[in-house]
Amino acid sequence: MIKNFFQPKVMLFFIIGLAFCIVFMILGDADDAPGLSFIGIIVAFLLIMRGIFHAKVLRKGCYMPVILFVFGAIGVFFPIILLLDGEIVRYSIGALIGNAIGVLLIAVACGRLINLKRKS
């Protein structure tokens, strides 16, 4: 299974993902734009997950639930982190909507994993 990681196609996704992350982090730091850095991290995550898909590390059908779970966790924890960091003054309706969407994504991911487990 580890030998699958060293295929040129898989390594290309990892290298391109890391390059995107580094470029967007540098641009975000230079312009004091944390959103740009966040976009770089998301693009890198998706490209690396695509590389993992080609390496066939996870069981078939587990890729989308993993991605949904990660995005759901971001949706749940990101507004809370912003509130604790002092970036937002009070917990607004937008933060509540972000939390609700995050919880929904986590629920969908768990449901898909349960259905996948039942089928096997």
PDB file of N, CA and C in Angstrom:
ATOM      1  N   MET A   1       0.818  -1.188   0.000  1.00  0.00           N
ATOM      2  CA  MET A   1       0.000   0.000   0.000  1.00  0.00           C
ATOM      3  C   MET A   1       0.867   1.258   0.000  1.00  0.00           C
ATOM      4  N   ILE A   2       1.974   1.258   0.716  1.00  0.00           N
ATOM      5  CA  ILE A   2       2.835   2.439   0.773  1.00  0.00           C
ATOM      6  C   ILE A   2       3.533   2.677  -0.562  1.00  0.00           C
ATOM      7  N   LYS A   3       3.743   1.603  -1.325  1.00  0.00           N
ATOM      8  CA  LYS A   3       4.394   1.779  -2.620  1.00  0.00           C
ATOM      9  C   LYS A   3       3.512   2.554  -3.589  1.00  0.00           C
ATOM     10  N   ASN A   4       2.206   2.574  -3.349  1.00  0.00           N
ATOM     11  CA  ASN A   4       1.301   3.331  -4.199  1.00  0.00           C
ATOM     12  C   ASN A   4       1.519   4.836  -4.078  1.00  0.00           C
ATOM     13  N   PHE A   5       2.063   5.292  -2.953  1.00  0.00           N
ATOM     14  CA  PHE A   5       2.305   6.711  -2.760  1.00  0.00           C
ATOM     15  C   PHE A   5       3.420   7.249  -3.651  1.00  0.00           C
ATOM     16  N   PHE A   6       4.304   6.400  -4.072  1.00  0.00           N
ATOM     17  CA  PHE A   6       5.463   6.844  -4.831  1.00  0.00           C
ATOM     18  C   PHE A   6       5.259   6.763  -6.335  1.00  0.00           C
ATOM     19  N   GLN A   7       4.031   6.602  -6.768  1.00  0.00           N
ATOM     20  CA  GLN A   7       3.732   6.666  -8.190  1.00  0.00           C
ATOM     21  C   GLN A   7       3.805   8.132  -8.629  1.00  0.00           C
ATOM     22  N   PRO A   8       4.235   8.399  -9.851  1.00  0.00           N
ATOM     23  CA  PRO A   8       4.371   9.794 -10.301  1.00  0.00           C
ATOM     24  C   PRO A   8       3.061  10.593 -10.241  1.00  0.00           C
ATOM     25  N   LYS A   9       1.950   9.955 -10.585  1.00  0.00           N
ATOM     26  CA  LYS A   9       0.663  10.663 -10.574  1.00  0.00           C
ATOM     27  C   LYS A   9       0.272  11.081  -9.161  1.00  0.00           C
ATOM     28  N   VAL A  10       0.501  10.206  -8.204  1.00  0.00           N
ATOM     29  CA  VAL A  10       0.165  10.508  -6.808  1.00  0.00           C
ATOM     30  C   VAL A  10       1.088  11.589  -6.259  1.00  0.00           C
ATOM     31  N   MET A  11       2.366  11.465  -6.514  1.00  0.00           N
ATOM     32  CA  MET A  11       3.330  12.460  -6.020  1.00  0.00           C
ATOM     33  C   MET A  11       3.067  13.829  -6.639  1.00  0.00           C
ATOM     34  N   LEU A  12       2.593  13.852  -7.889  1.00  0.00           N
ATOM     35  CA  LEU A  12       2.277  15.116  -8.544  1.00  0.00           C
ATOM     36  C   LEU A  12       1.179  15.861  -7.802  1.00  0.00           C
ATOM     37  N   PHE A  13       0.140  15.147  -7.365  1.00  0.00           N
ATOM     38  CA  PHE A  13      -0.936  15.791  -6.603  1.00  0.00           C
ATOM     39  C   PHE A  13      -0.426  16.337  -5.269  1.00  0.00           C
ATOM     40  N   PHE A  14       0.444  15.582  -4.609  1.00  0.00           N
ATOM     41  CA  PHE A  14       0.998  16.047  -3.339  1.00  0.00           C
ATOM     42  C   PHE A  14       1.860  17.292  -3.530  1.00  0.00           C
ATOM     43  N   ILE A  15       2.696  17.283  -4.548  1.00  0.00           N
ATOM     44  CA  ILE A  15       3.599  18.415  -4.798  1.00  0.00           C
ATOM     45  C   ILE A  15       2.810  19.652  -5.210  1.00  0.00           C
ATOM     46  N   ILE A  16       1.827  19.477  -6.111  1.00  0.00           N
ATOM     47  CA  ILE A  16       1.014  20.616  -6.534  1.00  0.00           C
ATOM     48  C   ILE A  16       0.201  21.156  -5.356  1.00  0.00           C
ATOM     49  N   GLY A  17      -0.343  20.279  -4.516  1.00  0.00           N
ATOM     50  CA  GLY A  17      -1.093  20.715  -3.338  1.00  0.00           C
ATOM     51  C   GLY A  17      -0.237  21.515  -2.376  1.00  0.00           C
ATOM     52  N   LEU A  18       0.957  21.031  -2.108  1.00  0.00           N
ATOM     53  CA  LEU A  18       1.849  21.767  -1.216  1.00  0.00           C
ATOM     54  C   LEU A  18       2.293  23.086  -1.824  1.00  0.00           C
ATOM     55  N   ALA A  19       2.519  23.109  -3.131  1.00  0.00           N
ATOM     56  CA  ALA A  19       2.915  24.351  -3.802  1.00  0.00           C
ATOM     57  C   ALA A  19       1.795  25.390  -3.717  1.00  0.00           C
ATOM     58  N   PHE A  20       0.549  24.963  -3.973  1.00  0.00           N
ATOM     59  CA  PHE A  20      -0.580  25.882  -3.843  1.00  0.00           C
ATOM     60  C   PHE A  20      -0.679  26.427  -2.424  1.00  0.00           C
ATOM     61  N   CYS A  21      -0.525  25.557  -1.453  1.00  0.00           N
ATOM     62  CA  CYS A  21      -0.621  25.983  -0.055  1.00  0.00           C
ATOM     63  C   CYS A  21       0.460  27.001   0.273  1.00  0.00           C
ATOM     64  N   ILE A  22       1.678  26.743  -0.127  1.00  0.00           N
ATOM     65  CA  ILE A  22       2.783  27.658   0.178  1.00  0.00           C
ATOM     66  C   ILE A  22       2.577  29.010  -0.500  1.00  0.00           C
ATOM     67  N   VAL A  23       2.184  28.993  -1.774  1.00  0.00           N
ATOM     68  CA  VAL A  23       1.984  30.256  -2.508  1.00  0.00           C
ATOM     69  C   VAL A  23       0.858  31.075  -1.886  1.00  0.00           C
ATOM     70  N   PHE A  24      -0.265  30.430  -1.599  1.00  0.00           N
ATOM     71  CA  PHE A  24      -1.387  31.161  -1.015  1.00  0.00           C
ATOM     72  C   PHE A  24      -1.082  31.640   0.406  1.00  0.00           C
ATOM     73  N   MET A  25      -0.305  30.865   1.158  1.00  0.00           N
ATOM     74  CA  MET A  25       0.078  31.304   2.508  1.00  0.00           C
ATOM     75  C   MET A  25       0.975  32.534   2.440  1.00  0.00           C
ATOM     76  N   ILE A  26       1.923  32.539   1.514  1.00  0.00           N
ATOM     77  CA  ILE A  26       2.819  33.694   1.362  1.00  0.00           C
ATOM     78  C   ILE A  26       2.031  34.916   0.910  1.00  0.00           C
ATOM     79  N   LEU A  27       1.138  34.740  -0.069  1.00  0.00           N
ATOM     80  CA  LEU A  27       0.324  35.866  -0.530  1.00  0.00           C
ATOM     81  C   LEU A  27      -0.617  36.361   0.563  1.00  0.00           C
ATOM     82  N   GLY A  28      -1.194  35.454   1.321  1.00  0.00           N
ATOM     83  CA  GLY A  28      -2.079  35.846   2.415  1.00  0.00           C
ATOM     84  C   GLY A  28      -1.344  36.570   3.519  1.00  0.00           C
ATOM     85  N   ASP A  29      -0.117  36.157   3.796  1.00  0.00           N
ATOM     86  CA  ASP A  29       0.682  36.819   4.823  1.00  0.00           C
ATOM     87  C   ASP A  29       1.137  38.202   4.361  1.00  0.00           C
ATOM     88  N   ALA A  30       1.469  38.326   3.085  1.00  0.00           N
ATOM     89  CA  ALA A  30       1.945  39.613   2.560  1.00  0.00           C
ATOM     90  C   ALA A  30       0.830  40.658   2.538  1.00  0.00           C
ATOM     91  N   ASP A  31      -0.397  40.237   2.256  1.00  0.00           N
ATOM     92  CA  ASP A  31      -1.519  41.178   2.185  1.00  0.00           C
ATOM     93  C   ASP A  31      -2.346  41.211   3.459  1.00  0.00           C
ATOM     94  N   ASP A  32      -1.918  40.504   4.488  1.00  0.00           N
ATOM     95  CA  ASP A  32      -2.664  40.376   5.737  1.00  0.00           C
ATOM     96  C   ASP A  32      -4.099  39.916   5.456  1.00  0.00           C
ATOM     97  N   ALA A  33      -4.190  38.832   4.669  1.00  0.00           N
ATOM     98  CA  ALA A  33      -5.480  38.275   4.263  1.00  0.00           C
ATOM     99  C   ALA A  33      -5.552  36.815   4.694  1.00  0.00           C
ATOM    100  N   PRO A  34      -6.087  36.554   5.883  1.00  0.00           N
ATOM    101  CA  PRO A  34      -6.153  35.160   6.336  1.00  0.00           C
ATOM    102  C   PRO A  34      -7.079  34.295   5.485  1.00  0.00           C
ATOM    103  N   GLY A  35      -8.038  34.909   4.813  1.00  0.00           N
ATOM    104  CA  GLY A  35      -8.924  34.141   3.946  1.00  0.00           C
ATOM    105  C   GLY A  35      -8.182  33.532   2.772  1.00  0.00           C
ATOM    106  N   LEU A  36      -7.207  34.253   2.259  1.00  0.00           N
ATOM    107  CA  LEU A  36      -6.404  33.730   1.160  1.00  0.00           C
ATOM    108  C   LEU A  36      -5.572  32.533   1.622  1.00  0.00           C
ATOM    109  N   SER A  37      -5.051  32.610   2.822  1.00  0.00           N
ATOM    110  CA  SER A  37      -4.311  31.468   3.385  1.00  0.00           C
ATOM    111  C   SER A  37      -5.236  30.276   3.586  1.00  0.00           C
ATOM    112  N   PHE A  38      -6.454  30.541   4.028  1.00  0.00           N
ATOM    113  CA  PHE A  38      -7.434  29.486   4.242  1.00  0.00           C
ATOM    114  C   PHE A  38      -7.799  28.816   2.917  1.00  0.00           C
ATOM    115  N   ILE A  39      -7.938  29.599   1.860  1.00  0.00           N
ATOM    116  CA  ILE A  39      -8.216  29.036   0.539  1.00  0.00           C
ATOM    117  C   ILE A  39      -7.069  28.133   0.099  1.00  0.00           C
ATOM    118  N   GLY A  40      -5.838  28.544   0.365  1.00  0.00           N
ATOM    119  CA  GLY A  40      -4.682  27.717   0.028  1.00  0.00           C
ATOM    120  C   GLY A  40      -4.692  26.385   0.758  1.00  0.00           C
ATOM    121  N   ILE A  41      -5.070  26.421   2.012  1.00  0.00           N
ATOM    122  CA  ILE A  41      -5.131  25.184   2.796  1.00  0.00           C
ATOM    123  C   ILE A  41      -6.220  24.259   2.251  1.00  0.00           C
ATOM    124  N   ILE A  42      -7.376  24.817   1.898  1.00  0.00           N
ATOM    125  CA  ILE A  42      -8.480  24.007   1.369  1.00  0.00           C
ATOM    126  C   ILE A  42      -8.102  23.397   0.022  1.00  0.00           C
ATOM    127  N   VAL A  43      -7.505  24.194  -0.868  1.00  0.00           N
ATOM    128  CA  VAL A  43      -7.089  23.671  -2.177  1.00  0.00           C
ATOM    129  C   VAL A  43      -6.040  22.574  -1.999  1.00  0.00           C
ATOM    130  N   ALA A  44      -5.087  22.795  -1.096  1.00  0.00           N
ATOM    131  CA  ALA A  44      -4.067  21.778  -0.843  1.00  0.00           C
ATOM    132  C   ALA A  44      -4.696  20.502  -0.289  1.00  0.00           C
ATOM    133  N   PHE A  45      -5.653  20.641   0.611  1.00  0.00           N
ATOM    134  CA  PHE A  45      -6.329  19.472   1.176  1.00  0.00           C
ATOM    135  C   PHE A  45      -7.046  18.680   0.089  1.00  0.00           C
ATOM    136  N   LEU A  46      -7.755  19.378  -0.799  1.00  0.00           N
ATOM    137  CA  LEU A  46      -8.483  18.678  -1.853  1.00  0.00           C
ATOM    138  C   LEU A  46      -7.540  17.999  -2.840  1.00  0.00           C
ATOM    139  N   LEU A  47      -6.435  18.655  -3.177  1.00  0.00           N
ATOM    140  CA  LEU A  47      -5.481  18.033  -4.096  1.00  0.00           C
ATOM    141  C   LEU A  47      -4.791  16.826  -3.454  1.00  0.00           C
ATOM    142  N   ILE A  48      -4.458  16.930  -2.194  1.00  0.00           N
ATOM    143  CA  ILE A  48      -3.829  15.799  -1.503  1.00  0.00           C
ATOM    144  C   ILE A  48      -4.820  14.644  -1.356  1.00  0.00           C
ATOM    145  N   MET A  49      -6.089  14.956  -1.093  1.00  0.00           N
ATOM    146  CA  MET A  49      -7.097  13.897  -1.038  1.00  0.00           C
ATOM    147  C   MET A  49      -7.260  13.233  -2.401  1.00  0.00           C
ATOM    148  N   ARG A  50      -7.124  14.015  -3.464  1.00  0.00           N
ATOM    149  CA  ARG A  50      -7.182  13.443  -4.807  1.00  0.00           C
ATOM    150  C   ARG A  50      -6.004  12.487  -5.019  1.00  0.00           C
ATOM    151  N   GLY A  51      -4.827  12.850  -4.515  1.00  0.00           N
ATOM    152  CA  GLY A  51      -3.681  11.961  -4.586  1.00  0.00           C
ATOM    153  C   GLY A  51      -3.898  10.689  -3.789  1.00  0.00           C
ATOM    154  N   ILE A  52      -4.509  10.816  -2.629  1.00  0.00           N
ATOM    155  CA  ILE A  52      -4.819   9.637  -1.817  1.00  0.00           C
ATOM    156  C   ILE A  52      -5.828   8.752  -2.543  1.00  0.00           C
ATOM    157  N   PHE A  53      -6.765   9.382  -3.256  1.00  0.00           N
ATOM    158  CA  PHE A  53      -7.739   8.626  -4.044  1.00  0.00           C
ATOM    159  C   PHE A  53      -7.033   7.783  -5.109  1.00  0.00           C
ATOM    160  N   HIS A  54      -6.030   8.368  -5.773  1.00  0.00           N
ATOM    161  CA  HIS A  54      -5.299   7.618  -6.790  1.00  0.00           C
ATOM    162  C   HIS A  54      -4.411   6.541  -6.172  1.00  0.00           C
ATOM    163  N   ALA A  55      -3.950   6.743  -4.949  1.00  0.00           N
ATOM    164  CA  ALA A  55      -3.101   5.747  -4.293  1.00  0.00           C
ATOM    165  C   ALA A  55      -3.913   4.595  -3.722  1.00  0.00           C
ATOM    166  N   LYS A  56      -5.227   4.757  -3.661  1.00  0.00           N
ATOM    167  CA  LYS A  56      -6.140   3.717  -3.152  1.00  0.00           C
ATOM    168  C   LYS A  56      -5.792   3.313  -1.726  1.00  0.00           C
ATOM    169  N   VAL A  57      -5.646   4.321  -0.863  1.00  0.00           N
ATOM    170  CA  VAL A  57      -5.322   4.058   0.535  1.00  0.00           C
ATOM    171  C   VAL A  57      -6.586   3.747   1.325  1.00  0.00           C
ATOM    172  N   LEU A  58      -7.619   4.549   1.122  1.00  0.00           N
ATOM    173  CA  LEU A  58      -8.884   4.334   1.819  1.00  0.00           C
ATOM    174  C   LEU A  58      -9.747   3.353   1.042  1.00  0.00           C
ATOM    175  N   ARG A  59     -10.695   2.773   1.743  1.00  0.00           N
ATOM    176  CA  ARG A  59     -11.634   1.865   1.095  1.00  0.00           C
ATOM    177  C   ARG A  59     -12.484   2.619   0.082  1.00  0.00           C
ATOM    178  N   LYS A  60     -12.936   1.942  -0.937  1.00  0.00           N
ATOM    179  CA  LYS A  60     -13.739   2.594  -1.966  1.00  0.00           C
ATOM    180  C   LYS A  60     -15.025   3.151  -1.342  1.00  0.00           C
ATOM    181  N   GLY A  61     -15.308   4.390  -1.623  1.00  0.00           N
ATOM    182  CA  GLY A  61     -16.504   5.038  -1.108  1.00  0.00           C
ATOM    183  C   GLY A  61     -16.277   5.852   0.147  1.00  0.00           C
ATOM    184  N   CYS A  62     -15.078   5.832   0.711  1.00  0.00           N
ATOM    185  CA  CYS A  62     -14.800   6.560   1.950  1.00  0.00           C
ATOM    186  C   CYS A  62     -14.266   7.965   1.723  1.00  0.00           C
ATOM    187  N   TYR A  63     -13.937   8.310   0.495  1.00  0.00           N
ATOM    188  CA  TYR A  63     -13.283   9.591   0.242  1.00  0.00           C
ATOM    189  C   TYR A  63     -14.218  10.768   0.477  1.00  0.00           C
ATOM    190  N   MET A  64     -15.418  10.702  -0.082  1.00  0.00           N
ATOM    191  CA  MET A  64     -16.348  11.812   0.072  1.00  0.00           C
ATOM    192  C   MET A  64     -16.783  11.997   1.523  1.00  0.00           C
ATOM    193  N   PRO A  65     -17.078  10.936   2.280  1.00  0.00           N
ATOM    194  CA  PRO A  65     -17.401  11.164   3.692  1.00  0.00           C
ATOM    195  C   PRO A  65     -16.251  11.797   4.484  1.00  0.00           C
ATOM    196  N   VAL A  66     -15.004  11.444   4.157  1.00  0.00           N
ATOM    197  CA  VAL A  66     -13.868  12.056   4.852  1.00  0.00           C
ATOM    198  C   VAL A  66     -13.802  13.544   4.543  1.00  0.00           C
ATOM    199  N   ILE A  67     -13.987  13.908   3.279  1.00  0.00           N
ATOM    200  CA  ILE A  67     -13.959  15.320   2.898  1.00  0.00           C
ATOM    201  C   ILE A  67     -15.125  16.064   3.542  1.00  0.00           C
ATOM    202  N   LEU A  68     -16.313  15.477   3.527  1.00  0.00           N
ATOM    203  CA  LEU A  68     -17.470  16.114   4.169  1.00  0.00           C
ATOM    204  C   LEU A  68     -17.252  16.290   5.666  1.00  0.00           C
ATOM    205  N   PHE A  69     -16.652  15.287   6.294  1.00  0.00           N
ATOM    206  CA  PHE A  69     -16.407  15.381   7.731  1.00  0.00           C
ATOM    207  C   PHE A  69     -15.424  16.509   8.056  1.00  0.00           C
ATOM    208  N   VAL A  70     -14.364  16.638   7.268  1.00  0.00           N
ATOM    209  CA  VAL A  70     -13.375  17.705   7.512  1.00  0.00           C
ATOM    210  C   VAL A  70     -14.012  19.074   7.313  1.00  0.00           C
ATOM    211  N   PHE A  71     -14.775  19.246   6.225  1.00  0.00           N
ATOM    212  CA  PHE A  71     -15.430  20.531   5.997  1.00  0.00           C
ATOM    213  C   PHE A  71     -16.483  20.817   7.067  1.00  0.00           C
ATOM    214  N   GLY A  72     -17.166  19.782   7.537  1.00  0.00           N
ATOM    215  CA  GLY A  72     -18.132  19.967   8.616  1.00  0.00           C
ATOM    216  C   GLY A  72     -17.458  20.391   9.912  1.00  0.00           C
ATOM    217  N   ALA A  73     -16.316  19.786  10.204  1.00  0.00           N
ATOM    218  CA  ALA A  73     -15.575  20.177  11.412  1.00  0.00           C
ATOM    219  C   ALA A  73     -15.109  21.623  11.312  1.00  0.00           C
ATOM    220  N   ILE A  74     -14.689  22.039  10.124  1.00  0.00           N
ATOM    221  CA  ILE A  74     -14.306  23.440   9.938  1.00  0.00           C
ATOM    222  C   ILE A  74     -15.506  24.339  10.169  1.00  0.00           C
ATOM    223  N   GLY A  75     -16.658  23.947   9.634  1.00  0.00           N
ATOM    224  CA  GLY A  75     -17.870  24.743   9.813  1.00  0.00           C
ATOM    225  C   GLY A  75     -18.325  24.838  11.256  1.00  0.00           C
ATOM    226  N   VAL A  76     -18.069  23.815  12.027  1.00  0.00           N
ATOM    227  CA  VAL A  76     -18.459  23.836  13.439  1.00  0.00           C
ATOM    228  C   VAL A  76     -17.467  24.638  14.282  1.00  0.00           C
ATOM    229  N   PHE A  77     -16.197  24.383  14.092  1.00  0.00           N
ATOM    230  CA  PHE A  77     -15.201  24.983  14.980  1.00  0.00           C
ATOM    231  C   PHE A  77     -14.720  26.373  14.571  1.00  0.00           C
ATOM    232  N   PHE A  78     -14.789  26.715  13.290  1.00  0.00           N
ATOM    233  CA  PHE A  78     -14.253  27.999  12.843  1.00  0.00           C
ATOM    234  C   PHE A  78     -14.976  29.196  13.473  1.00  0.00           C
ATOM    235  N   PRO A  79     -16.314  29.230  13.512  1.00  0.00           N
ATOM    236  CA  PRO A  79     -16.962  30.363  14.188  1.00  0.00           C
ATOM    237  C   PRO A  79     -16.635  30.440  15.686  1.00  0.00           C
ATOM    238  N   ILE A  80     -16.493  29.302  16.321  1.00  0.00           N
ATOM    239  CA  ILE A  80     -16.156  29.290  17.751  1.00  0.00           C
ATOM    240  C   ILE A  80     -14.747  29.825  17.969  1.00  0.00           C
ATOM    241  N   ILE A  81     -13.816  29.436  17.101  1.00  0.00           N
ATOM    242  CA  ILE A  81     -12.438  29.936  17.207  1.00  0.00           C
ATOM    243  C   ILE A  81     -12.394  31.436  16.981  1.00  0.00           C
ATOM    244  N   LEU A  82     -13.160  31.920  15.993  1.00  0.00           N
ATOM    245  CA  LEU A  82     -13.209  33.367  15.745  1.00  0.00           C
ATOM    246  C   LEU A  82     -13.769  34.119  16.946  1.00  0.00           C
ATOM    247  N   LEU A  83     -14.766  33.551  17.600  1.00  0.00           N
ATOM    248  CA  LEU A  83     -15.350  34.195  18.780  1.00  0.00           C
ATOM    249  C   LEU A  83     -14.353  34.222  19.933  1.00  0.00           C
ATOM    250  N   LEU A  84     -13.672  33.117  20.167  1.00  0.00           N
ATOM    251  CA  LEU A  84     -12.703  33.061  21.264  1.00  0.00           C
ATOM    252  C   LEU A  84     -11.482  33.931  20.993  1.00  0.00           C
ATOM    253  N   ASP A  85     -11.133  34.095  19.722  1.00  0.00           N
ATOM    254  CA  ASP A  85      -9.981  34.902  19.350  1.00  0.00           C
ATOM    255  C   ASP A  85     -10.277  36.399  19.388  1.00  0.00           C
ATOM    256  N   GLY A  86     -11.541  36.749  19.432  1.00  0.00           N
ATOM    257  CA  GLY A  86     -11.920  38.154  19.472  1.00  0.00           C
ATOM    258  C   GLY A  86     -12.108  38.774  18.103  1.00  0.00           C
ATOM    259  N   GLU A  87     -12.111  37.965  17.061  1.00  0.00           N
ATOM    260  CA  GLU A  87     -12.328  38.488  15.713  1.00  0.00           C
ATOM    261  C   GLU A  87     -13.773  38.935  15.531  1.00  0.00           C
ATOM    262  N   ILE A  88     -14.700  38.232  16.161  1.00  0.00           N
ATOM    263  CA  ILE A  88     -16.095  38.661  16.167  1.00  0.00           C
ATOM    264  C   ILE A  88     -16.480  38.958  17.607  1.00  0.00           C
ATOM    265  N   VAL A  89     -17.320  39.970  17.785  1.00  0.00           N
ATOM    266  CA  VAL A  89     -17.639  40.440  19.129  1.00  0.00           C
ATOM    267  C   VAL A  89     -18.666  39.552  19.814  1.00  0.00           C
ATOM    268  N   ARG A  90     -19.707  39.180  19.074  1.00  0.00           N
ATOM    269  CA  ARG A  90     -20.737  38.324  19.666  1.00  0.00           C
ATOM    270  C   ARG A  90     -21.122  37.253  18.666  1.00  0.00           C
ATOM    271  N   TYR A  91     -21.753  36.243  19.159  1.00  0.00           N
ATOM    272  CA  TYR A  91     -22.135  35.106  18.333  1.00  0.00           C
ATOM    273  C   TYR A  91     -23.338  35.500  17.499  1.00  0.00           C
ATOM    274  N   SER A  92     -23.153  35.686  16.201  1.00  0.00           N
ATOM    275  CA  SER A  92     -24.204  36.200  15.332  1.00  0.00           C
ATOM    276  C   SER A  92     -24.978  35.071  14.663  1.00  0.00           C
ATOM    277  N   ILE A  93     -25.963  35.477  13.888  1.00  0.00           N
ATOM    278  CA  ILE A  93     -26.764  34.496  13.158  1.00  0.00           C
ATOM    279  C   ILE A  93     -25.919  33.817  12.074  1.00  0.00           C
ATOM    280  N   GLY A  94     -24.958  34.543  11.509  1.00  0.00           N
ATOM    281  CA  GLY A  94     -24.065  33.945  10.511  1.00  0.00           C
ATOM    282  C   GLY A  94     -23.227  32.828  11.106  1.00  0.00           C
ATOM    283  N   ALA A  95     -22.740  33.034  12.322  1.00  0.00           N
ATOM    284  CA  ALA A  95     -21.970  31.987  13.002  1.00  0.00           C
ATOM    285  C   ALA A  95     -22.852  30.787  13.313  1.00  0.00           C
ATOM    286  N   LEU A  96     -24.090  31.049  13.686  1.00  0.00           N
ATOM    287  CA  LEU A  96     -25.031  29.965  13.970  1.00  0.00           C
ATOM    288  C   LEU A  96     -25.341  29.166  12.705  1.00  0.00           C
ATOM    289  N   ILE A  97     -25.482  29.855  11.587  1.00  0.00           N
ATOM    290  CA  ILE A  97     -25.715  29.163  10.315  1.00  0.00           C
ATOM    291  C   ILE A  97     -24.494  28.327   9.937  1.00  0.00           C
ATOM    292  N   GLY A  98     -23.293  28.867  10.151  1.00  0.00           N
ATOM    293  CA  GLY A  98     -22.075  28.100   9.894  1.00  0.00           C
ATOM    294  C   GLY A  98     -22.008  26.841  10.731  1.00  0.00           C
ATOM    295  N   ASN A  99     -22.377  26.955  12.008  1.00  0.00           N
ATOM    296  CA  ASN A  99     -22.407  25.779  12.874  1.00  0.00           C
ATOM    297  C   ASN A  99     -23.442  24.767  12.412  1.00  0.00           C
ATOM    298  N   ALA A 100     -24.604  25.239  12.011  1.00  0.00           N
ATOM    299  CA  ALA A 100     -25.666  24.330  11.559  1.00  0.00           C
ATOM    300  C   ALA A 100     -25.249  23.594  10.288  1.00  0.00           C
ATOM    301  N   ILE A 101     -24.630  24.295   9.355  1.00  0.00           N
ATOM    302  CA  ILE A 101     -24.166  23.643   8.129  1.00  0.00           C
ATOM    303  C   ILE A 101     -23.061  22.631   8.449  1.00  0.00           C
ATOM    304  N   GLY A 102     -22.171  22.987   9.374  1.00  0.00           N
ATOM    305  CA  GLY A 102     -21.119  22.055   9.778  1.00  0.00           C
ATOM    306  C   GLY A 102     -21.672  20.787  10.399  1.00  0.00           C
ATOM    307  N   VAL A 103     -22.653  20.933  11.268  1.00  0.00           N
ATOM    308  CA  VAL A 103     -23.276  19.768  11.897  1.00  0.00           C
ATOM    309  C   VAL A 103     -23.992  18.922  10.841  1.00  0.00           C
ATOM    310  N   LEU A 104     -24.643  19.582   9.883  1.00  0.00           N
ATOM    311  CA  LEU A 104     -25.323  18.853   8.806  1.00  0.00           C
ATOM    312  C   LEU A 104     -24.326  18.061   7.958  1.00  0.00           C
ATOM    313  N   LEU A 105     -23.183  18.660   7.630  1.00  0.00           N
ATOM    314  CA  LEU A 105     -22.166  17.954   6.854  1.00  0.00           C
ATOM    315  C   LEU A 105     -21.608  16.755   7.623  1.00  0.00           C
ATOM    316  N   ILE A 106     -21.392  16.928   8.914  1.00  0.00           N
ATOM    317  CA  ILE A 106     -20.908  15.805   9.728  1.00  0.00           C
ATOM    318  C   ILE A 106     -21.946  14.693   9.787  1.00  0.00           C
ATOM    319  N   ALA A 107     -23.220  15.056   9.911  1.00  0.00           N
ATOM    320  CA  ALA A 107     -24.280  14.049   9.949  1.00  0.00           C
ATOM    321  C   ALA A 107     -24.371  13.296   8.622  1.00  0.00           C
ATOM    322  N   VAL A 108     -24.252  14.007   7.504  1.00  0.00           N
ATOM    323  CA  VAL A 108     -24.293  13.356   6.198  1.00  0.00           C
ATOM    324  C   VAL A 108     -23.094  12.415   6.041  1.00  0.00           C
ATOM    325  N   ALA A 109     -21.917  12.867   6.470  1.00  0.00           N
ATOM    326  CA  ALA A 109     -20.723  12.020   6.374  1.00  0.00           C
ATOM    327  C   ALA A 109     -20.877  10.757   7.214  1.00  0.00           C
ATOM    328  N   CYS A 110     -21.369  10.908   8.424  1.00  0.00           N
ATOM    329  CA  CYS A 110     -21.559   9.725   9.283  1.00  0.00           C
ATOM    330  C   CYS A 110     -22.604   8.785   8.692  1.00  0.00           C
ATOM    331  N   GLY A 111     -23.674   9.344   8.132  1.00  0.00           N
ATOM    332  CA  GLY A 111     -24.699   8.508   7.497  1.00  0.00           C
ATOM    333  C   GLY A 111     -24.151   7.727   6.315  1.00  0.00           C
ATOM    334  N   ARG A 112     -23.312   8.381   5.512  1.00  0.00           N
ATOM    335  CA  ARG A 112     -22.724   7.683   4.362  1.00  0.00           C
ATOM    336  C   ARG A 112     -21.765   6.586   4.821  1.00  0.00           C
ATOM    337  N   LEU A 113     -21.017   6.850   5.887  1.00  0.00           N
ATOM    338  CA  LEU A 113     -20.110   5.811   6.403  1.00  0.00           C
ATOM    339  C   LEU A 113     -20.882   4.633   6.982  1.00  0.00           C
ATOM    340  N   ILE A 114     -21.998   4.909   7.655  1.00  0.00           N
ATOM    341  CA  ILE A 114     -22.829   3.833   8.204  1.00  0.00           C
ATOM    342  C   ILE A 114     -23.426   2.994   7.073  1.00  0.00           C
ATOM    343  N   ASN A 115     -23.915   3.677   6.027  1.00  0.00           N
ATOM    344  CA  ASN A 115     -24.457   2.932   4.877  1.00  0.00           C
ATOM    345  C   ASN A 115     -23.381   2.103   4.191  1.00  0.00           C
ATOM    346  N   LEU A 116     -22.181   2.634   4.103  1.00  0.00           N
ATOM    347  CA  LEU A 116     -21.076   1.888   3.503  1.00  0.00           C
ATOM    348  C   LEU A 116     -20.729   0.665   4.335  1.00  0.00           C
ATOM    349  N   LYS A 117     -20.793   0.809   5.655  1.00  0.00           N
ATOM    350  CA  LYS A 117     -20.494  -0.314   6.562  1.00  0.00           C
ATOM    351  C   LYS A 117     -21.573  -1.393   6.445  1.00  0.00           C
ATOM    352  N   ARG A 118     -22.830  -0.979   6.288  1.00  0.00           N
ATOM    353  CA  ARG A 118     -23.923  -1.955   6.156  1.00  0.00           C
ATOM    354  C   ARG A 118     -23.815  -2.759   4.868  1.00  0.00           C
ATOM    355  N   LYS A 119     -23.348  -2.116   3.790  1.00  0.00           N
ATOM    356  CA  LYS A 119     -23.241  -2.791   2.499  1.00  0.00           C
ATOM    357  C   LYS A 119     -22.141  -3.844   2.485  1.00  0.00           C
ATOM    358  N   SER A 120     -21.113  -3.658   3.311  1.00  0.00           N
ATOM    359  CA  SER A 120     -20.000  -4.616   3.284  1.00  0.00           C
ATOM    360  C   SER A 120     -20.154  -5.724   4.282  1.00  0.00           C
TER     361      SER A 120
END
